[in-house]
Amino acid sequence: MPELPEVEGVVRQIRPVSIGKRIVSVDVSDTIRKSKKAGKEAILKRIEADDFQERLAGAQILGVERRSKYIYMTMKNEQEFLLVNHLGMSGAWFFVDSLLSIPEDKFRRHVHIVLTLDDGNLLAFSDIRRFGEMRVLETEADFPPLLLMAPEPFADGALEWFLQQAESPRFRNKPIKEVIMDGTVISGCGNIYATEALFRMKIHPKRAASRISCKRKIELFQAIAAILLESIEAGGSTISDYRNINGESGSMQDRFGMYGKKTCTVCGTETKTVKIASRASVYCPSCQK
């Protein structure tokens, strides 16, 4: 699943090619329409396909920002509103002059939303597994979970927030891996970067938050922020389906010390896997205590 660095990469590329542009037309795939008729909510959440088209058609894109793992597109038709997008497991945006220009067939076959801009180019959203989400909101408050997200890890106050939450009754006895993957504690840190941060800090993923000193918690938070920034600069991680809007893969996966490894890259010990918060957590039984 794309995490903060991957989403940040998409936002940085969508922003310069979209801001100020007007959406001339909106296309929604037959797959989404069939899902709606079946009473399901594939990608478009709490809005019908025709209503989605009507709301976005003619709107001007005023801003594109990232909040945790979400993409916020501020738009204006008669009034301002938000298009909030989560990439899910395999969502990807492409900026192309034609759907045939999307570089890989697996993405071309699963395009579900197409925004035609007034310069003739397309912003196309492809989602192979259809776990992505799009919501049209007047404000963040229209989808309350957005209000529960922790501060951005690079923002003032984020460290203090992390320490407060990690030491609270709700989290202090939980495995530290579960704590740092919780978006109400740290924004944007999922399984991949939690695995890498804990490995760099030599902390066992099942160690309870209460059994880690305040000093070590501070160092862990700093390691998470550093890894997220490093990944942003590397274009994110491409494990299977992540691509930027030009169809390019990231390279952070080439720098992993633990995620997806069979043996420890430091000591050579065979790694172990444990399930934490329903996610497979790989660790070194020698290095991480």
C-alpha atoms as a PDB file:
ATOM      1  CA  MET A   1       0.000   0.000   0.000  1.00  0.00           C
ATOM      2  CA  PRO A   2       1.397   3.453  -0.866  1.00  0.00           C
ATOM      3  CA  GLU A   3       2.523   5.284   2.254  1.00  0.00           C
ATOM      4  CA  LEU A   4       3.397   8.921   2.892  1.00  0.00           C
ATOM      5  CA  PRO A   5       6.437   9.129   0.544  1.00  0.00           C
ATOM      6  CA  GLU A   6       4.608   7.589  -2.392  1.00  0.00           C
ATOM      7  CA  VAL A   7       1.598   9.852  -1.959  1.00  0.00           C
ATOM      8  CA  GLU A   8       3.860  12.886  -1.569  1.00  0.00           C
ATOM      9  CA  GLY A   9       5.552  11.984  -4.844  1.00  0.00           C
ATOM     10  CA  VAL A  10       2.224  11.823  -6.653  1.00  0.00           C
ATOM     11  CA  VAL A  11       1.108  15.157  -5.191  1.00  0.00           C
ATOM     12  CA  ARG A  12       4.337  16.893  -6.172  1.00  0.00           C
ATOM     13  CA  GLN A  13       3.853  15.780  -9.755  1.00  0.00           C
ATOM     14  CA  ILE A  14       0.108  16.412 -10.053  1.00  0.00           C
ATOM     15  CA  ARG A  15       0.370  19.922  -8.597  1.00  0.00           C
ATOM     16  CA  PRO A  16       2.266  21.700 -11.426  1.00  0.00           C
ATOM     17  CA  VAL A  17       0.297  20.083 -14.256  1.00  0.00           C
ATOM     18  CA  SER A  18      -3.159  20.623 -12.774  1.00  0.00           C
ATOM     19  CA  ILE A  19      -3.423  23.791 -10.669  1.00  0.00           C
ATOM     20  CA  GLY A  20      -5.368  26.468 -12.504  1.00  0.00           C
ATOM     21  CA  LYS A  21      -6.727  23.991 -15.028  1.00  0.00           C
ATOM     22  CA  ARG A  22     -10.432  23.438 -15.496  1.00  0.00           C
ATOM     23  CA  ILE A  23     -12.017  19.996 -15.765  1.00  0.00           C
ATOM     24  CA  VAL A  24     -13.866  19.847 -19.073  1.00  0.00           C
ATOM     25  CA  SER A  25     -15.381  16.400 -18.618  1.00  0.00           C
ATOM     26  CA  VAL A  26     -15.366  13.415 -16.281  1.00  0.00           C
ATOM     27  CA  ASP A  27     -15.557   9.748 -17.243  1.00  0.00           C
ATOM     28  CA  VAL A  28     -16.429   6.960 -14.802  1.00  0.00           C
ATOM     29  CA  SER A  29     -15.801   3.317 -15.682  1.00  0.00           C
ATOM     30  CA  ASP A  30     -18.544   0.766 -16.236  1.00  0.00           C
ATOM     31  CA  THR A  31     -16.975  -1.252 -13.417  1.00  0.00           C
ATOM     32  CA  ILE A  32     -17.765   1.494 -10.913  1.00  0.00           C
ATOM     33  CA  ARG A  33     -21.270   1.949 -12.310  1.00  0.00           C
ATOM     34  CA  LYS A  34     -21.979  -1.780 -11.995  1.00  0.00           C
ATOM     35  CA  SER A  35     -20.636  -1.693  -8.452  1.00  0.00           C
ATOM     36  CA  LYS A  36     -23.040   1.116  -7.590  1.00  0.00           C
ATOM     37  CA  LYS A  37     -25.984  -0.758  -9.091  1.00  0.00           C
ATOM     38  CA  ALA A  38     -25.048  -3.772  -6.977  1.00  0.00           C
ATOM     39  CA  GLY A  39     -25.123  -1.628  -3.851  1.00  0.00           C
ATOM     40  CA  LYS A  40     -21.349  -1.593  -3.452  1.00  0.00           C
ATOM     41  CA  GLU A  41     -18.947   1.319  -3.077  1.00  0.00           C
ATOM     42  CA  ALA A  42     -16.015   0.651  -5.410  1.00  0.00           C
ATOM     43  CA  ILE A  43     -13.755   3.752  -5.322  1.00  0.00           C
ATOM     44  CA  LEU A  44     -16.524   6.382  -5.307  1.00  0.00           C
ATOM     45  CA  LYS A  45     -17.728   6.677  -1.719  1.00  0.00           C
ATOM     46  CA  ARG A  46     -21.176   7.986  -0.804  1.00  0.00           C
ATOM     47  CA  ILE A  47     -21.761   9.531  -4.215  1.00  0.00           C
ATOM     48  CA  GLU A  48     -23.330   8.175  -7.395  1.00  0.00           C
ATOM     49  CA  ALA A  49     -21.318   8.143 -10.608  1.00  0.00           C
ATOM     50  CA  ASP A  50     -23.580  10.694 -12.365  1.00  0.00           C
ATOM     51  CA  ASP A  51     -23.468  13.036  -9.358  1.00  0.00           C
ATOM     52  CA  PHE A  52     -19.675  12.725  -9.249  1.00  0.00           C
ATOM     53  CA  GLN A  53     -19.460  13.675 -12.912  1.00  0.00           C
ATOM     54  CA  GLU A  54     -21.817  16.609 -12.493  1.00  0.00           C
ATOM     55  CA  ARG A  55     -19.967  17.943  -9.448  1.00  0.00           C
ATOM     56  CA  LEU A  56     -16.497  17.858 -11.025  1.00  0.00           C
ATOM     57  CA  ALA A  57     -17.310  18.849 -14.614  1.00  0.00           C
ATOM     58  CA  GLY A  58     -16.439  22.509 -15.106  1.00  0.00           C
ATOM     59  CA  ALA A  59     -14.583  22.777 -11.794  1.00  0.00           C
ATOM     60  CA  GLN A  60     -11.229  24.526 -11.594  1.00  0.00           C
ATOM     61  CA  ILE A  61      -8.403  22.850  -9.669  1.00  0.00           C
ATOM     62  CA  LEU A  62      -7.148  25.352  -7.099  1.00  0.00           C
ATOM     63  CA  GLY A  63      -4.752  23.247  -5.044  1.00  0.00           C
ATOM     64  CA  VAL A  64      -3.284  19.790  -4.564  1.00  0.00           C
ATOM     65  CA  GLU A  65      -1.934  18.801  -1.148  1.00  0.00           C
ATOM     66  CA  ARG A  66      -1.114  15.687   0.831  1.00  0.00           C
ATOM     67  CA  ARG A  67      -2.458  14.940   4.295  1.00  0.00           C
ATOM     68  CA  SER A  68      -1.019  11.717   5.723  1.00  0.00           C
ATOM     69  CA  LYS A  69      -1.738   9.127   2.986  1.00  0.00           C
ATOM     70  CA  TYR A  70      -4.546  11.158   1.394  1.00  0.00           C
ATOM     71  CA  ILE A  71      -4.504  13.460  -1.618  1.00  0.00           C
ATOM     72  CA  TYR A  72      -6.583  16.624  -1.202  1.00  0.00           C
ATOM     73  CA  MET A  73      -7.610  18.404  -4.396  1.00  0.00           C
ATOM     74  CA  THR A  74      -9.275  21.737  -3.729  1.00  0.00           C
ATOM     75  CA  MET A  75     -11.698  22.564  -6.524  1.00  0.00           C
ATOM     76  CA  LYS A  76     -14.169  25.295  -7.283  1.00  0.00           C
ATOM     77  CA  ASN A  77     -17.310  25.279  -9.335  1.00  0.00           C
ATOM     78  CA  GLU A  78     -19.946  27.545  -7.892  1.00  0.00           C
ATOM     79  CA  GLN A  79     -18.223  27.090  -4.538  1.00  0.00           C
ATOM     80  CA  GLU A  80     -15.085  25.431  -3.233  1.00  0.00           C
ATOM     81  CA  PHE A  81     -15.046  21.749  -2.323  1.00  0.00           C
ATOM     82  CA  LEU A  82     -12.569  18.930  -1.755  1.00  0.00           C
ATOM     83  CA  LEU A  83     -11.900  15.820  -3.791  1.00  0.00           C
ATOM     84  CA  VAL A  84     -10.182  13.522  -1.298  1.00  0.00           C
ATOM     85  CA  ASN A  85      -8.403  10.485  -2.707  1.00  0.00           C
ATOM     86  CA  HIS A  86      -6.761   7.503  -1.040  1.00  0.00           C
ATOM     87  CA  LEU A  87      -4.698   5.303  -3.350  1.00  0.00           C
ATOM     88  CA  GLY A  88      -5.639   2.100  -1.511  1.00  0.00           C
ATOM     89  CA  MET A  89      -3.461  -0.890  -2.383  1.00  0.00           C
ATOM     90  CA  SER A  90      -2.844  -0.251  -6.074  1.00  0.00           C
ATOM     91  CA  GLY A  91      -4.215   3.159  -7.044  1.00  0.00           C
ATOM     92  CA  ALA A  92      -2.189   5.311  -9.444  1.00  0.00           C
ATOM     93  CA  TRP A  93      -2.688   8.642 -11.195  1.00  0.00           C
ATOM     94  CA  PHE A  94      -1.376   9.234 -14.720  1.00  0.00           C
ATOM     95  CA  PHE A  95      -1.014  12.528 -16.574  1.00  0.00           C
ATOM     96  CA  VAL A  96      -1.273  11.657 -20.261  1.00  0.00           C
ATOM     97  CA  ASP A  97      -2.512  12.963 -23.600  1.00  0.00           C
ATOM     98  CA  SER A  98      -4.329   9.678 -24.271  1.00  0.00           C
ATOM     99  CA  LEU A  99      -5.169   6.567 -22.250  1.00  0.00           C
ATOM    100  CA  LEU A 100      -3.012   4.662 -24.732  1.00  0.00           C
ATOM    101  CA  SER A 101      -0.051   6.625 -23.348  1.00  0.00           C
ATOM    102  CA  ILE A 102      -0.346   4.943 -19.938  1.00  0.00           C
ATOM    103  CA  PRO A 103       2.831   2.854 -20.009  1.00  0.00           C
ATOM    104  CA  GLU A 104       1.660  -0.522 -18.683  1.00  0.00           C
ATOM    105  CA  ASP A 105      -1.259  -2.609 -19.858  1.00  0.00           C
ATOM    106  CA  LYS A 106      -2.249  -3.618 -16.319  1.00  0.00           C
ATOM    107  CA  PHE A 107      -2.905   0.038 -15.528  1.00  0.00           C
ATOM    108  CA  ARG A 108      -4.572   0.848 -18.859  1.00  0.00           C
ATOM    109  CA  ARG A 109      -7.079  -1.990 -18.307  1.00  0.00           C
ATOM    110  CA  HIS A 110      -8.121  -0.685 -14.904  1.00  0.00           C
ATOM    111  CA  VAL A 111      -8.683   3.034 -15.460  1.00  0.00           C
ATOM    112  CA  HIS A 112     -11.796   4.018 -13.502  1.00  0.00           C
ATOM    113  CA  ILE A 113     -11.810   7.828 -13.415  1.00  0.00           C
ATOM    114  CA  VAL A 114     -10.682  10.180 -16.187  1.00  0.00           C
ATOM    115  CA  LEU A 115     -10.574  13.954 -15.740  1.00  0.00           C
ATOM    116  CA  THR A 116     -10.174  15.727 -19.071  1.00  0.00           C
ATOM    117  CA  LEU A 117      -8.506  19.097 -18.538  1.00  0.00           C
ATOM    118  CA  ASP A 118      -8.955  22.253 -20.574  1.00  0.00           C
ATOM    119  CA  ASP A 119      -5.468  21.871 -22.070  1.00  0.00           C
ATOM    120  CA  GLY A 120      -6.504  18.556 -23.630  1.00  0.00           C
ATOM    121  CA  ASN A 121      -4.527  16.362 -21.249  1.00  0.00           C
ATOM    122  CA  LEU A 122      -6.000  13.707 -18.988  1.00  0.00           C
ATOM    123  CA  LEU A 123      -5.667  12.961 -15.305  1.00  0.00           C
ATOM    124  CA  ALA A 124      -6.507   9.272 -15.175  1.00  0.00           C
ATOM    125  CA  PHE A 125      -6.958   7.216 -12.006  1.00  0.00           C
ATOM    126  CA  SER A 126      -6.222   3.518 -12.361  1.00  0.00           C
ATOM    127  CA  ASP A 127      -6.837   1.025  -9.579  1.00  0.00           C
ATOM    128  CA  ILE A 128      -6.203  -2.662 -10.238  1.00  0.00           C
ATOM    129  CA  ARG A 129      -7.608  -3.941  -6.941  1.00  0.00           C
ATOM    130  CA  ARG A 130     -10.207  -1.178  -6.499  1.00  0.00           C
ATOM    131  CA  PHE A 131      -9.438  -0.507  -2.822  1.00  0.00           C
ATOM    132  CA  GLY A 132      -8.809   3.177  -3.558  1.00  0.00           C
ATOM    133  CA  GLU A 133     -11.269   5.843  -2.459  1.00  0.00           C
ATOM    134  CA  MET A 134     -12.607   9.127  -3.773  1.00  0.00           C
ATOM    135  CA  ARG A 135     -14.850  11.367  -1.727  1.00  0.00           C
ATOM    136  CA  VAL A 136     -16.385  14.712  -2.620  1.00  0.00           C
ATOM    137  CA  LEU A 137     -16.533  16.785   0.567  1.00  0.00           C
ATOM    138  CA  GLU A 138     -17.482  20.318   1.468  1.00  0.00           C
ATOM    139  CA  THR A 139     -14.950  20.211   4.333  1.00  0.00           C
ATOM    140  CA  GLU A 140     -12.804  17.621   6.113  1.00  0.00           C
ATOM    141  CA  ALA A 141     -15.483  17.395   8.785  1.00  0.00           C
ATOM    142  CA  ASP A 142     -17.783  15.657   6.300  1.00  0.00           C
ATOM    143  CA  PHE A 143     -15.565  12.573   6.728  1.00  0.00           C
ATOM    144  CA  PRO A 144     -14.710  12.567  10.463  1.00  0.00           C
ATOM    145  CA  PRO A 145     -11.799  10.045  10.287  1.00  0.00           C
ATOM    146  CA  LEU A 146      -9.785  12.758   8.540  1.00  0.00           C
ATOM    147  CA  LEU A 147      -9.983  14.884  11.670  1.00  0.00           C
ATOM    148  CA  LEU A 148      -8.392  12.116  13.754  1.00  0.00           C
ATOM    149  CA  MET A 149      -5.133  11.988  11.811  1.00  0.00           C
ATOM    150  CA  ALA A 150      -1.955  12.766  13.723  1.00  0.00           C
ATOM    151  CA  PRO A 151       0.107  15.839  12.841  1.00  0.00           C
ATOM    152  CA  GLU A 152       2.398  15.499   9.856  1.00  0.00           C
ATOM    153  CA  PRO A 153       5.676  13.891  11.041  1.00  0.00           C
ATOM    154  CA  PHE A 154       7.673  16.913   9.841  1.00  0.00           C
ATOM    155  CA  ALA A 155       5.410  19.466  11.532  1.00  0.00           C
ATOM    156  CA  ASP A 156       6.026  21.333  14.754  1.00  0.00           C
ATOM    157  CA  GLY A 157       4.409  19.478  17.606  1.00  0.00           C
ATOM    158  CA  ALA A 158       4.457  16.068  15.893  1.00  0.00           C
ATOM    159  CA  LEU A 159       7.083  14.631  18.257  1.00  0.00           C
ATOM    160  CA  GLU A 160       5.230  15.837  21.332  1.00  0.00           C
ATOM    161  CA  TRP A 161       2.005  14.361  19.963  1.00  0.00           C
ATOM    162  CA  PHE A 162       3.730  11.024  19.307  1.00  0.00           C
ATOM    163  CA  LEU A 163       5.147  10.837  22.829  1.00  0.00           C
ATOM    164  CA  GLN A 164       1.806  11.752  24.367  1.00  0.00           C
ATOM    165  CA  GLN A 165      -0.040   9.092  22.400  1.00  0.00           C
ATOM    166  CA  ALA A 166       2.598   6.365  22.790  1.00  0.00           C
ATOM    167  CA  GLU A 167       2.543   6.823  26.565  1.00  0.00           C
ATOM    168  CA  SER A 168      -1.250   7.025  26.838  1.00  0.00           C
ATOM    169  CA  PRO A 169      -3.320   4.165  28.333  1.00  0.00           C
ATOM    170  CA  ARG A 170      -4.653   3.371  24.859  1.00  0.00           C
ATOM    171  CA  PHE A 171      -1.243   2.611  23.375  1.00  0.00           C
ATOM    172  CA  ARG A 172       1.359   2.114  26.117  1.00  0.00           C
ATOM    173  CA  ASN A 173       0.894  -1.677  26.337  1.00  0.00           C
ATOM    174  CA  LYS A 174       0.588  -2.305  22.626  1.00  0.00           C
ATOM    175  CA  PRO A 175       3.464  -3.532  20.430  1.00  0.00           C
ATOM    176  CA  ILE A 176       5.493  -0.564  19.243  1.00  0.00           C
ATOM    177  CA  LYS A 177       5.030  -1.657  15.623  1.00  0.00           C
ATOM    178  CA  GLU A 178       1.254  -1.372  16.005  1.00  0.00           C
ATOM    179  CA  VAL A 179       1.623   2.020  17.689  1.00  0.00           C
ATOM    180  CA  ILE A 180       3.730   3.640  14.960  1.00  0.00           C
ATOM    181  CA  MET A 181       1.500   2.258  12.188  1.00  0.00           C
ATOM    182  CA  ASP A 182      -1.552   3.906  13.751  1.00  0.00           C
ATOM    183  CA  GLY A 183      -2.396   7.073  11.804  1.00  0.00           C
ATOM    184  CA  THR A 184      -3.675   8.795  14.932  1.00  0.00           C
ATOM    185  CA  VAL A 185      -0.176   8.490  16.429  1.00  0.00           C
ATOM    186  CA  ILE A 186       2.039   9.194  13.401  1.00  0.00           C
ATOM    187  CA  SER A 187       0.680  10.231  10.007  1.00  0.00           C
ATOM    188  CA  GLY A 188       1.686   8.243   6.965  1.00  0.00           C
ATOM    189  CA  CYS A 189       3.889   5.511   8.472  1.00  0.00           C
ATOM    190  CA  GLY A 190       2.701   2.090   7.348  1.00  0.00           C
ATOM    191  CA  ASN A 191       4.149  -1.402   7.426  1.00  0.00           C
ATOM    192  CA  ILE A 192       7.108  -0.731   5.135  1.00  0.00           C
ATOM    193  CA  TYR A 193       8.607   2.269   6.883  1.00  0.00           C
ATOM    194  CA  ALA A 194       7.702   1.034  10.365  1.00  0.00           C
ATOM    195  CA  THR A 195       9.672  -2.136   9.585  1.00  0.00           C
ATOM    196  CA  GLU A 196      12.667  -0.138   8.388  1.00  0.00           C
ATOM    197  CA  ALA A 197      12.641   2.311  11.296  1.00  0.00           C
ATOM    198  CA  LEU A 198      12.474  -0.422  13.925  1.00  0.00           C
ATOM    199  CA  PHE A 199      15.306  -2.279  12.214  1.00  0.00           C
ATOM    200  CA  ARG A 200      17.505   0.816  12.139  1.00  0.00           C
ATOM    201  CA  MET A 201      16.775   1.388  15.814  1.00  0.00           C
ATOM    202  CA  LYS A 202      17.289  -2.330  16.670  1.00  0.00           C
ATOM    203  CA  ILE A 203      13.876  -2.484  18.374  1.00  0.00           C
ATOM    204  CA  HIS A 204      11.816  -5.668  18.319  1.00  0.00           C
ATOM    205  CA  PRO A 205       8.423  -4.943  16.691  1.00  0.00           C
ATOM    206  CA  LYS A 206       6.503  -6.694  19.503  1.00  0.00           C
ATOM    207  CA  ARG A 207       8.167  -4.739  22.317  1.00  0.00           C
ATOM    208  CA  ALA A 208       5.507  -2.840  24.262  1.00  0.00           C
ATOM    209  CA  ALA A 209       5.654   0.924  23.928  1.00  0.00           C
ATOM    210  CA  SER A 210       5.877   1.180  27.728  1.00  0.00           C
ATOM    211  CA  ARG A 211       9.124  -0.844  27.677  1.00  0.00           C
ATOM    212  CA  ILE A 212      10.897   1.737  25.522  1.00  0.00           C
ATOM    213  CA  SER A 213      12.457   4.729  27.247  1.00  0.00           C
ATOM    214  CA  CYS A 214      11.404   8.258  26.375  1.00  0.00           C
ATOM    215  CA  LYS A 215      14.873   8.873  24.908  1.00  0.00           C
ATOM    216  CA  ARG A 216      14.548   5.846  22.634  1.00  0.00           C
ATOM    217  CA  LYS A 217      11.029   6.875  21.614  1.00  0.00           C
ATOM    218  CA  ILE A 218      12.365  10.256  20.557  1.00  0.00           C
ATOM    219  CA  GLU A 219      15.133   8.566  18.542  1.00  0.00           C
ATOM    220  CA  LEU A 220      12.595   6.218  16.959  1.00  0.00           C
ATOM    221  CA  PHE A 221      10.376   9.118  15.928  1.00  0.00           C
ATOM    222  CA  GLN A 222      13.380  10.886  14.424  1.00  0.00           C
ATOM    223  CA  ALA A 223      14.323   7.692  12.546  1.00  0.00           C
ATOM    224  CA  ILE A 224      10.807   7.416  11.114  1.00  0.00           C
ATOM    225  CA  ALA A 225      10.842  11.025   9.925  1.00  0.00           C
ATOM    226  CA  ALA A 226      14.312  10.583   8.405  1.00  0.00           C
ATOM    227  CA  ILE A 227      13.305   7.414   6.543  1.00  0.00           C
ATOM    228  CA  LEU A 228      10.149   9.048   5.201  1.00  0.00           C
ATOM    229  CA  LEU A 229      12.173  12.010   3.915  1.00  0.00           C
ATOM    230  CA  GLU A 230      14.771   9.683   2.411  1.00  0.00           C
ATOM    231  CA  SER A 231      12.056   7.775   0.599  1.00  0.00           C
ATOM    232  CA  ILE A 232      10.468  10.972  -0.725  1.00  0.00           C
ATOM    233  CA  GLU A 233      13.811  11.903  -2.270  1.00  0.00           C
ATOM    234  CA  ALA A 234      14.135   8.373  -3.718  1.00  0.00           C
ATOM    235  CA  GLY A 235      10.732   8.641  -5.400  1.00  0.00           C
ATOM    236  CA  GLY A 236       9.088   6.262  -2.938  1.00  0.00           C
ATOM    237  CA  SER A 237       9.104   2.466  -2.886  1.00  0.00           C
ATOM    238  CA  THR A 238       7.779   0.285  -5.688  1.00  0.00           C
ATOM    239  CA  ILE A 239       7.004  -3.161  -4.267  1.00  0.00           C
ATOM    240  CA  SER A 240       4.496  -4.147  -6.949  1.00  0.00           C
ATOM    241  CA  ASP A 241       2.059  -1.555  -8.293  1.00  0.00           C
ATOM    242  CA  TYR A 242       3.223   1.900  -7.189  1.00  0.00           C
ATOM    243  CA  ARG A 243       3.994   4.279 -10.071  1.00  0.00           C
ATOM    244  CA  ASN A 244       4.215   8.063 -10.275  1.00  0.00           C
ATOM    245  CA  ILE A 245       2.090  10.034 -12.750  1.00  0.00           C
ATOM    246  CA  ASN A 246       4.645   9.417 -15.511  1.00  0.00           C
ATOM    247  CA  GLY A 247       4.545   5.656 -14.948  1.00  0.00           C
ATOM    248  CA  GLU A 248       7.953   5.582 -13.244  1.00  0.00           C
ATOM    249  CA  SER A 249       8.863   3.372 -10.280  1.00  0.00           C
ATOM    250  CA  GLY A 250      10.484   4.538  -7.063  1.00  0.00           C
ATOM    251  CA  SER A 251      13.879   3.310  -5.878  1.00  0.00           C
ATOM    252  CA  MET A 252      13.639   3.305  -2.067  1.00  0.00           C
ATOM    253  CA  GLN A 253      13.126  -0.476  -2.121  1.00  0.00           C
ATOM    254  CA  ASP A 254      16.769  -0.808  -3.187  1.00  0.00           C
ATOM    255  CA  ARG A 255      17.809   0.707   0.149  1.00  0.00           C
ATOM    256  CA  PHE A 256      15.718  -1.522   2.435  1.00  0.00           C
ATOM    257  CA  GLY A 257      17.586  -3.130   5.290  1.00  0.00           C
ATOM    258  CA  MET A 258      14.786  -5.408   6.505  1.00  0.00           C
ATOM    259  CA  TYR A 259      11.452  -5.168   4.674  1.00  0.00           C
ATOM    260  CA  GLY A 260      10.993  -8.257   2.519  1.00  0.00           C
ATOM    261  CA  LYS A 261      14.394  -9.693   3.467  1.00  0.00           C
ATOM    262  CA  LYS A 262      15.053 -13.388   4.163  1.00  0.00           C
ATOM    263  CA  THR A 263      18.324 -12.722   5.958  1.00  0.00           C
ATOM    264  CA  CYS A 264      19.476  -9.737   8.010  1.00  0.00           C
ATOM    265  CA  THR A 265      21.508  -7.269   5.976  1.00  0.00           C
ATOM    266  CA  VAL A 266      23.654  -6.517   9.031  1.00  0.00           C
ATOM    267  CA  CYS A 267      24.436  -9.851  10.678  1.00  0.00           C
ATOM    268  CA  GLY A 268      23.217 -12.431   8.152  1.00  0.00           C
ATOM    269  CA  THR A 269      20.807 -14.108  10.578  1.00  0.00           C
ATOM    270  CA  GLU A 270      17.669 -15.605   9.048  1.00  0.00           C
ATOM    271  CA  THR A 271      14.808 -13.171   9.581  1.00  0.00           C
ATOM    272  CA  LYS A 272      11.556 -14.047  11.294  1.00  0.00           C
ATOM    273  CA  THR A 273       8.008 -12.940  10.618  1.00  0.00           C
ATOM    274  CA  VAL A 274       5.311 -12.215  13.172  1.00  0.00           C
ATOM    275  CA  LYS A 275       1.810 -10.849  12.623  1.00  0.00           C
ATOM    276  CA  ILE A 276       1.125  -7.512  14.317  1.00  0.00           C
ATOM    277  CA  ALA A 277      -2.092  -5.560  13.757  1.00  0.00           C
ATOM    278  CA  SER A 278      -2.948  -8.024  10.955  1.00  0.00           C
ATOM    279  CA  ARG A 279       0.269  -7.182   9.084  1.00  0.00           C
ATOM    280  CA  ALA A 280       3.304  -9.403   8.542  1.00  0.00           C
ATOM    281  CA  SER A 281       6.243  -7.932  10.443  1.00  0.00           C
ATOM    282  CA  VAL A 282       9.728  -9.014   9.425  1.00  0.00           C
ATOM    283  CA  TYR A 283      12.563  -8.611  11.925  1.00  0.00           C
ATOM    284  CA  CYS A 284      16.009  -9.867  12.868  1.00  0.00           C
ATOM    285  CA  PRO A 285      15.922 -11.976  16.054  1.00  0.00           C
ATOM    286  CA  SER A 286      19.587 -11.157  16.696  1.00  0.00           C
ATOM    287  CA  CYS A 287      19.696  -7.429  16.057  1.00  0.00           C
ATOM    288  CA  GLN A 288      16.247  -6.407  17.279  1.00  0.00           C
ATOM    289  CA  LYS A 289      15.501  -6.800  20.964  1.00  0.00           C
END
